[in-house]
Amino acid sequence: MATPKLLGNKRALLVAVRRVRCRPRSGTSFSDLPDLDSSHRDAKAFRDYLITFRGYEAEDVIVMADSKVLPKHLWPTRKNILYQIKQLTSEVPEDCRICFYFVGRGLEEEDIGRAGTRADGRNSKIVSADGKPILDNVLHDRLITPLEGVKGSELFALFDCCHSETFPNLRRGDESTSKAQGCDPQPPTGPCLLISETKEVGELKVTKPDATWTELRDSLTWVFP
């Protein structure tokens, strides 16, 4: 059964991976990690929020989760995730608001030489339920590139996973990447989104509550309009 095409000018795709069931090609094993038991609950709560408070129609909010109550085409395998992203960004009208949410596992690995690798020689990846990674530059190509020519379109992307600071291959707050991209790694000014829930930030706040912006920035997410 195929998912109906999204037609509204507000549309969302919410992806929740509770358990990675296969070994990723990177060689990283998740067998010793606990399941992300709150992931399904978080995705449902976010869906309810979008519908109740942000004006999204229920039929334009797609939830993918590794849950037996959902049909197989909504299980968050790599193939299914990429297909649903294509549906999300296809035939987008002007002034459309797109929302993408991922809760699950993330990886960051050295991968010098691959097309789309960041200036620091590393790549970030989200991991699908079948253990297959999706690179940050692939997410950029699938989520952002299709919207670049659509007048007034906006994308809000939220990644609740490790190494989320560079998804989906946007500018990063570290000095090496920022200089390579021709931007000054300073505290952002004007409209921006700064989200972080990383272990490093938590530890730094405890060990050094007066930490400077320079000390904090590498663990923070920078998103500029």
Protein backbone atom coordinates (compact mmCIF):
# COMPACT_ATOMS: atom_id res chain seq x y z
CA MET A 1 0.00 0.00 0.00
CA ALA A 2 1.50 3.33 -1.06
CA THR A 3 1.30 6.46 1.04
CA PRO A 4 -1.09 9.03 -0.47
CA LYS A 5 0.70 12.02 -2.00
CA LEU A 6 0.91 15.01 0.31
CA LEU A 7 -1.05 17.92 -1.10
CA GLY A 8 -1.20 20.55 1.64
CA ASN A 9 0.99 23.64 1.93
CA LYS A 10 2.02 22.34 5.36
CA ARG A 11 3.41 18.83 5.32
CA ALA A 12 5.55 16.77 7.67
CA LEU A 13 7.50 13.52 7.80
CA LEU A 14 8.32 12.17 11.25
CA VAL A 15 10.72 9.21 11.49
CA ALA A 16 11.24 7.22 14.69
CA VAL A 17 13.75 4.35 14.95
CA ARG A 18 13.46 2.46 18.23
CA ARG A 19 15.87 -0.36 17.41
CA VAL A 20 18.53 -0.87 14.74
CA ARG A 21 18.04 -4.50 13.75
CA CYS A 22 21.05 -5.04 11.48
CA ARG A 23 24.72 -4.23 11.60
CA PRO A 24 25.50 -1.00 9.70
CA ARG A 25 28.01 -1.25 6.87
CA SER A 26 30.29 1.02 8.88
CA GLY A 27 31.01 -1.88 11.23
CA THR A 28 29.42 -0.16 14.21
CA SER A 29 27.24 -2.52 16.22
CA PHE A 30 24.22 -1.31 18.16
CA SER A 31 23.57 -4.67 19.83
CA ASP A 32 24.96 -3.43 23.13
CA LEU A 33 22.89 -0.25 23.13
CA PRO A 34 19.45 -0.03 24.72
CA ASP A 35 16.36 0.51 22.61
CA LEU A 36 15.20 4.09 22.28
CA ASP A 37 11.90 3.36 24.00
CA SER A 38 10.71 6.97 23.94
CA SER A 39 11.22 7.44 20.19
CA HIS A 40 7.73 6.33 19.13
CA ARG A 41 6.12 8.35 21.89
CA ASP A 42 8.11 11.44 20.91
CA ALA A 43 7.10 11.16 17.25
CA LYS A 44 3.43 10.80 18.19
CA ALA A 45 3.64 13.78 20.54
CA PHE A 46 5.26 15.87 17.80
CA ARG A 47 2.53 14.82 15.35
CA ASP A 48 -0.16 15.85 17.81
CA TYR A 49 1.59 19.19 18.35
CA LEU A 50 1.80 19.96 14.63
CA ILE A 51 -1.89 19.16 14.10
CA THR A 52 -3.23 20.81 17.25
CA PHE A 53 -1.10 23.93 17.44
CA ARG A 54 0.61 24.52 14.07
CA GLY A 55 -2.23 24.08 11.61
CA TYR A 56 -1.12 20.85 9.90
CA GLU A 57 -3.80 18.55 8.50
CA ALA A 58 -3.65 14.97 9.82
CA GLU A 59 -3.41 13.51 6.30
CA ASP A 60 -0.34 15.67 5.61
CA VAL A 61 1.67 14.38 8.59
CA ILE A 62 3.31 11.01 7.91
CA VAL A 63 4.76 9.02 10.81
CA MET A 64 7.28 6.24 10.17
CA ALA A 65 8.20 3.89 13.02
CA ASP A 66 9.45 0.34 13.54
CA SER A 67 6.11 -0.64 15.04
CA LYS A 68 3.97 -3.67 14.28
CA VAL A 69 0.86 -1.49 14.17
CA LEU A 70 2.15 0.30 11.05
CA PRO A 71 2.19 -1.13 7.51
CA LYS A 72 5.55 -2.24 6.19
CA HIS A 73 5.90 0.71 3.81
CA LEU A 74 6.00 3.00 6.86
CA TRP A 75 8.76 1.07 8.60
CA PRO A 76 11.88 3.33 8.65
CA THR A 77 14.19 1.28 6.44
CA ARG A 78 16.63 3.27 4.34
CA LYS A 79 14.66 2.62 1.16
CA ASN A 80 11.35 3.63 2.76
CA ILE A 81 12.77 6.77 4.38
CA LEU A 82 14.22 8.04 1.11
CA TYR A 83 10.96 7.28 -0.70
CA GLN A 84 8.90 9.19 1.86
CA ILE A 85 11.32 12.14 1.71
CA LYS A 86 10.79 12.19 -2.06
CA GLN A 87 7.04 12.27 -1.50
CA LEU A 88 7.49 15.06 1.04
CA THR A 89 9.41 17.34 -1.34
CA SER A 90 7.58 16.52 -4.59
CA GLU A 91 5.32 19.07 -6.28
CA VAL A 92 5.82 21.58 -3.49
CA PRO A 93 3.62 24.69 -3.90
CA GLU A 94 4.82 28.22 -3.21
CA ASP A 95 4.92 29.28 0.45
CA CYS A 96 4.94 25.64 1.56
CA ARG A 97 6.09 24.73 5.06
CA ILE A 98 7.99 21.44 5.28
CA CYS A 99 8.81 19.70 8.54
CA PHE A 100 11.19 16.74 8.89
CA TYR A 101 11.85 15.02 12.22
CA PHE A 102 14.19 12.12 12.95
CA VAL A 103 14.65 10.42 16.30
CA GLY A 104 17.08 7.52 16.44
CA ARG A 105 20.79 6.75 16.14
CA GLY A 106 23.40 8.95 14.46
CA LEU A 107 27.01 8.32 13.49
CA GLU A 108 29.99 10.48 12.56
CA GLU A 109 32.97 8.96 10.80
CA GLU A 110 36.09 9.99 8.93
CA ASP A 111 35.43 9.68 5.24
CA ILE A 112 37.92 11.83 3.35
CA GLY A 113 37.52 11.88 -0.41
CA ARG A 114 33.84 11.04 -0.70
CA ALA A 115 31.75 13.60 -2.59
CA GLY A 116 30.00 15.83 -0.09
CA THR A 117 32.43 15.17 2.76
CA ARG A 118 32.71 18.18 5.06
CA ALA A 119 35.82 20.34 5.14
CA ASP A 120 36.93 18.59 8.35
CA GLY A 121 37.00 15.25 6.49
CA ARG A 122 34.08 13.70 8.33
CA ASN A 123 30.53 12.68 7.49
CA SER A 124 27.46 12.43 9.70
CA LYS A 125 24.82 9.77 9.13
CA ILE A 126 21.46 8.78 10.47
CA VAL A 127 20.88 5.04 10.81
CA SER A 128 17.73 3.41 9.52
CA ALA A 129 15.96 0.52 11.23
CA ASP A 130 17.64 -1.95 8.87
CA GLY A 131 21.08 -0.65 9.83
CA LYS A 132 21.80 1.24 6.61
CA PRO A 133 23.14 4.79 7.03
CA ILE A 134 21.91 7.87 5.20
CA LEU A 135 24.67 10.45 4.74
CA ASP A 136 24.19 14.11 5.65
CA ASN A 137 24.86 15.22 2.07
CA VAL A 138 22.19 12.79 0.83
CA LEU A 139 19.74 14.38 3.25
CA HIS A 140 20.74 17.79 1.92
CA ASP A 141 20.16 16.70 -1.67
CA ARG A 142 16.78 15.13 -0.87
CA LEU A 143 15.41 17.67 1.63
CA ILE A 144 16.88 21.05 0.71
CA THR A 145 17.80 21.00 -2.98
CA PRO A 146 14.21 20.34 -4.20
CA LEU A 147 12.99 23.41 -2.29
CA GLU A 148 15.62 25.87 -3.51
CA GLY A 149 13.60 26.94 -6.52
CA VAL A 150 10.24 27.09 -4.74
CA LYS A 151 9.30 30.65 -3.84
CA GLY A 152 8.57 31.18 -0.15
CA SER A 153 9.17 27.55 0.85
CA GLU A 154 10.58 26.82 4.30
CA LEU A 155 12.05 23.70 5.87
CA PHE A 156 12.20 22.96 9.58
CA ALA A 157 14.36 19.90 10.28
CA LEU A 158 14.88 18.46 13.75
CA PHE A 159 17.32 15.62 14.39
CA ASP A 160 17.15 13.97 17.81
CA CYS A 161 20.25 11.82 17.53
CA CYS A 162 23.99 11.82 18.11
CA HIS A 163 26.13 14.08 15.90
CA SER A 164 23.10 16.10 14.84
CA GLU A 165 25.06 19.35 14.71
CA THR A 166 25.76 19.06 10.97
CA PHE A 167 22.50 17.62 9.65
CA PRO A 168 21.49 18.11 6.92
CA ASN A 169 24.98 19.15 5.81
CA LEU A 170 24.59 22.80 6.79
CA ARG A 171 27.27 25.14 8.11
CA ARG A 172 28.91 23.86 11.24
CA GLY A 173 30.09 26.02 14.11
CA ASP A 174 33.65 24.72 14.21
CA GLU A 175 36.46 26.93 13.04
CA SER A 176 37.97 24.72 10.37
CA THR A 177 34.71 24.15 8.49
CA SER A 178 33.49 27.71 8.91
CA LYS A 179 36.70 29.18 7.49
CA ALA A 180 36.66 26.72 4.60
CA GLN A 181 33.14 27.86 3.76
CA GLY A 182 34.10 31.52 3.99
CA CYS A 183 32.13 32.36 7.15
CA ASP A 184 33.39 33.70 10.45
CA PRO A 185 32.81 31.27 13.37
CA GLN A 186 31.24 33.83 15.69
CA PRO A 187 28.05 33.71 17.78
CA PRO A 188 25.11 33.93 15.35
CA THR A 189 23.20 37.17 15.07
CA GLY A 190 19.71 37.77 13.73
CA PRO A 191 17.16 35.00 13.15
CA CYS A 192 18.61 31.56 13.76
CA LEU A 193 17.84 28.24 15.40
CA LEU A 194 20.20 26.87 18.02
CA ILE A 195 19.30 23.42 19.37
CA SER A 196 21.47 21.09 21.42
CA GLU A 197 20.99 18.19 23.76
CA THR A 198 24.43 16.65 23.58
CA LYS A 199 26.36 14.90 26.31
CA GLU A 200 29.32 17.21 25.76
CA VAL A 201 27.31 20.35 26.44
CA GLY A 202 25.82 18.83 29.58
CA GLU A 203 29.23 17.87 30.91
CA LEU A 204 30.69 21.27 30.08
CA LYS A 205 27.89 23.06 31.89
CA VAL A 206 28.60 21.00 35.00
CA THR A 207 32.39 21.25 34.95
CA LYS A 208 32.49 24.84 33.75
CA PRO A 209 29.21 26.73 34.15
CA ASP A 210 30.85 29.96 32.88
CA ALA A 211 31.97 28.36 29.60
CA THR A 212 32.43 30.83 26.75
CA TRP A 213 30.70 30.70 23.40
CA THR A 214 33.94 29.48 21.80
CA GLU A 215 34.04 26.53 24.19
CA LEU A 216 30.38 25.66 23.66
CA ARG A 217 30.00 26.19 19.93
CA ASP A 218 31.39 22.83 18.70
CA SER A 219 28.60 20.99 20.49
CA LEU A 220 25.79 23.23 19.33
CA THR A 221 23.60 23.18 16.26
CA TRP A 222 23.72 26.24 14.02
CA VAL A 223 20.91 26.78 11.53
CA PHE A 224 20.76 30.07 9.62
CA PRO A 225 17.94 31.37 7.41
